Amino acid sequence: PVARSFVTPTRPARPPPPVRPTARFPPSRALLDSRPHMSSDERESWLQRIGELVDRAAYRQALKVCDQALVAHPDLAEAHDFRGLILCRMGRYGEALPSYDNAIRLEPEFVTALLDKAELLVFYLNEDEEAVALTDRVLRLSSNELDAAHAHHLKGIAYANLGLHEEALRNFEVAIS
């Protein structure tokens, strides 16, 4: 996701949709082992096709390919996450939430999906308490510094939205340190 500037205590009217590099999905050994009917190459092929379309901002086409991937492989957590991202980019925020939930249900430690859902909750659905819980979960799961910074940033925005400015500032400071 792109770094965002400091957010004032009032909720932004409508921030830009989340942007993240499409190559961010780490291979999930446990997930691949649990579905031997789908090869790693096939999985990567679907995700690459979807990612290329998202990178070109061809969201309608990306959504169609994503839905095709999910018909063929309903347990592909990354495709569910992509679907949520695509729906957000199309402004269909309420429809994006179940896609993120499906990705997290399939792979409970899928940090990218947890962060994407937290962004949706903070920026579009006014569900700041749930976003704080998700960012706490990310901080427990991930040792990646960028994921931790992103989680603290989102947590800071959620706290600012809730009027908890001291907590917001603490999280913003951790995010930039």
Protein backbone atom coordinates (compact mmCIF):
# COMPACT_ATOMS: atom_id res chain seq x y z
CA PRO A 1 0.00 0.00 0.00
CA VAL A 2 1.08 3.55 -0.61
CA ALA A 3 2.22 5.62 2.32
CA ARG A 4 -0.47 8.06 3.31
CA SER A 5 0.09 11.48 4.81
CA PHE A 6 -0.82 12.30 8.41
CA VAL A 7 -4.56 12.15 8.90
CA THR A 8 -6.39 14.79 10.90
CA PRO A 9 -8.74 13.63 13.67
CA THR A 10 -11.74 13.98 11.36
CA ARG A 11 -12.54 11.15 9.01
CA PRO A 12 -11.36 11.81 5.44
CA ALA A 13 -14.17 12.28 2.95
CA ARG A 14 -12.99 9.56 0.58
CA PRO A 15 -9.35 8.54 0.39
CA PRO A 16 -8.02 6.89 -2.73
CA PRO A 17 -8.53 3.13 -2.91
CA PRO A 18 -5.73 1.04 -1.43
CA VAL A 19 -2.85 0.42 -3.79
CA ARG A 20 -0.48 -2.44 -3.25
CA PRO A 21 2.04 -4.21 -5.39
CA THR A 22 0.48 -7.32 -6.85
CA ALA A 23 3.57 -9.44 -6.20
CA ARG A 24 3.11 -9.08 -2.45
CA PHE A 25 1.49 -12.47 -1.87
CA PRO A 26 3.97 -14.74 -0.12
CA PRO A 27 3.77 -18.38 -1.09
CA SER A 28 1.74 -20.20 1.53
CA ARG A 29 3.30 -23.62 1.98
CA ALA A 30 0.54 -24.81 4.33
CA LEU A 31 -2.15 -23.70 1.90
CA LEU A 32 -0.44 -25.29 -1.07
CA ASP A 33 0.07 -28.54 0.85
CA SER A 34 -3.60 -28.62 1.81
CA ARG A 35 -4.80 -28.54 -1.81
CA PRO A 36 -2.69 -30.89 -3.89
CA HIS A 37 -5.16 -30.69 -6.80
CA MET A 38 -3.84 -27.23 -7.70
CA SER A 39 -0.21 -26.82 -8.65
CA SER A 40 1.85 -23.86 -7.55
CA ASP A 41 2.19 -22.86 -11.22
CA GLU A 42 -1.58 -22.85 -11.72
CA ARG A 43 -2.07 -20.76 -8.57
CA GLU A 44 0.59 -18.28 -9.65
CA SER A 45 -0.87 -18.12 -13.16
CA TRP A 46 -4.31 -17.08 -11.87
CA LEU A 47 -2.83 -14.53 -9.48
CA GLN A 48 -0.50 -13.10 -12.12
CA ARG A 49 -3.38 -12.65 -14.60
CA ILE A 50 -5.49 -10.91 -11.99
CA GLY A 51 -2.56 -8.77 -10.84
CA GLU A 52 -1.72 -7.63 -14.35
CA LEU A 53 -5.31 -6.51 -14.90
CA VAL A 54 -5.38 -4.68 -11.57
CA ASP A 55 -2.08 -2.96 -12.43
CA ARG A 56 -3.67 -1.75 -15.70
CA ALA A 57 -6.77 -0.59 -13.77
CA ALA A 58 -8.91 -2.98 -15.84
CA TYR A 59 -11.09 -3.67 -12.84
CA ARG A 60 -14.15 -5.13 -14.57
CA GLN A 61 -12.02 -7.59 -16.46
CA ALA A 62 -9.96 -8.34 -13.34
CA LEU A 63 -13.15 -9.06 -11.42
CA LYS A 64 -14.29 -11.49 -14.14
CA VAL A 65 -10.96 -13.33 -14.10
CA CYS A 66 -11.01 -13.34 -10.32
CA ASP A 67 -14.50 -14.84 -10.29
CA GLN A 68 -13.37 -17.48 -12.81
CA ALA A 69 -10.43 -18.36 -10.59
CA LEU A 70 -12.74 -18.68 -7.60
CA VAL A 71 -15.16 -20.93 -9.49
CA ALA A 72 -12.25 -23.20 -10.40
CA HIS A 73 -10.56 -22.89 -6.99
CA PRO A 74 -12.88 -21.54 -4.27
CA ASP A 75 -10.17 -22.09 -1.66
CA LEU A 76 -7.70 -19.65 -3.26
CA ALA A 77 -7.40 -17.10 -0.46
CA GLU A 78 -5.32 -14.68 -2.51
CA ALA A 79 -8.03 -14.50 -5.19
CA HIS A 80 -10.62 -13.67 -2.52
CA ASP A 81 -8.32 -10.89 -1.30
CA PHE A 82 -7.82 -9.60 -4.84
CA ARG A 83 -11.59 -9.65 -5.30
CA GLY A 84 -12.00 -7.42 -2.25
CA LEU A 85 -9.30 -5.06 -3.51
CA ILE A 86 -10.90 -4.86 -6.97
CA LEU A 87 -14.35 -4.17 -5.51
CA CYS A 88 -12.85 -1.39 -3.37
CA ARG A 89 -11.21 0.14 -6.42
CA MET A 90 -14.61 0.06 -8.12
CA GLY A 91 -16.20 1.83 -5.12
CA ARG A 92 -18.22 -1.26 -4.13
CA TYR A 93 -17.08 -1.26 -0.50
CA GLY A 94 -19.95 -3.22 1.04
CA GLU A 95 -19.38 -6.03 -1.46
CA ALA A 96 -15.65 -6.12 -0.71
CA LEU A 97 -16.04 -7.08 2.96
CA PRO A 98 -17.22 -10.69 2.38
CA SER A 99 -14.31 -11.25 -0.01
CA TYR A 100 -11.81 -10.22 2.63
CA ASP A 101 -13.65 -12.33 5.20
CA ASN A 102 -13.41 -15.36 2.87
CA ALA A 103 -9.68 -14.84 2.39
CA ILE A 104 -9.14 -14.62 6.14
CA ARG A 105 -11.40 -17.62 6.83
CA LEU A 106 -9.36 -19.71 4.38
CA GLU A 107 -6.01 -18.47 5.65
CA PRO A 108 -6.37 -16.90 9.14
CA GLU A 109 -2.76 -15.65 9.17
CA PHE A 110 -2.95 -13.96 5.74
CA VAL A 111 -1.52 -10.60 6.77
CA THR A 112 -2.20 -8.87 3.43
CA ALA A 113 -5.92 -9.70 3.66
CA LEU A 114 -6.02 -8.57 7.30
CA LEU A 115 -4.47 -5.21 6.38
CA ASP A 116 -6.70 -4.79 3.33
CA LYS A 117 -9.79 -5.45 5.44
CA ALA A 118 -8.55 -3.00 8.10
CA GLU A 119 -8.16 -0.30 5.41
CA LEU A 120 -11.71 -0.94 4.22
CA LEU A 121 -13.06 -0.72 7.76
CA VAL A 122 -11.17 2.49 8.62
CA PHE A 123 -11.61 4.44 5.39
CA TYR A 124 -14.99 3.35 4.09
CA LEU A 125 -17.13 1.48 6.60
CA ASN A 126 -16.53 3.47 9.81
CA GLU A 127 -15.75 0.29 11.76
CA ASP A 128 -12.76 1.62 13.66
CA GLU A 129 -12.96 -0.71 16.68
CA GLU A 130 -12.85 -3.79 14.44
CA ALA A 131 -9.97 -2.25 12.49
CA VAL A 132 -8.00 -1.82 15.73
CA ALA A 133 -8.57 -5.51 16.53
CA LEU A 134 -7.38 -6.52 13.05
CA THR A 135 -4.25 -4.39 13.27
CA ASP A 136 -3.47 -5.89 16.69
CA ARG A 137 -3.77 -9.32 15.07
CA VAL A 138 -1.36 -8.30 12.30
CA LEU A 139 1.12 -7.04 14.88
CA ARG A 140 1.00 -10.41 16.68
CA LEU A 141 1.40 -12.40 13.45
CA SER A 142 3.91 -10.53 11.34
CA SER A 143 7.58 -9.87 11.90
CA ASN A 144 7.75 -7.81 8.69
CA GLU A 145 8.59 -4.17 9.46
CA LEU A 146 6.51 -2.76 6.59
CA ASP A 147 3.44 -4.74 7.66
CA ALA A 148 3.94 -3.55 11.24
CA ALA A 149 4.30 0.08 10.11
CA HIS A 150 1.18 -0.23 7.97
CA ALA A 151 -0.74 -1.78 10.88
CA HIS A 152 0.34 0.99 13.27
CA HIS A 153 -0.59 3.63 10.69
CA LEU A 154 -4.08 2.18 10.22
CA LYS A 155 -4.44 1.77 13.97
CA GLY A 156 -3.48 5.42 14.43
CA ILE A 157 -6.14 6.52 11.95
CA ALA A 158 -8.75 4.34 13.64
CA TYR A 159 -7.88 5.79 17.05
CA ALA A 160 -8.00 9.34 15.63
CA ASN A 161 -11.43 8.58 14.18
CA LEU A 162 -12.52 7.37 17.61
CA GLY A 163 -11.25 10.58 19.23
CA LEU A 164 -8.41 8.77 21.07
CA HIS A 165 -5.72 11.19 19.97
CA GLU A 166 -2.94 10.16 22.35
CA GLU A 167 -3.25 6.53 21.19
CA ALA A 168 -3.36 7.74 17.60
CA LEU A 169 -0.16 9.74 18.01
CA ARG A 170 1.63 6.82 19.70
CA ASN A 171 0.76 4.56 16.78
CA PHE A 172 1.76 7.15 14.17
CA GLU A 173 5.12 7.59 15.93
CA VAL A 174 5.73 3.83 15.92
CA ALA A 175 4.70 3.66 12.25
CA ILE A 176 7.31 6.21 11.18
CA SER A 177 10.12 5.02 13.46
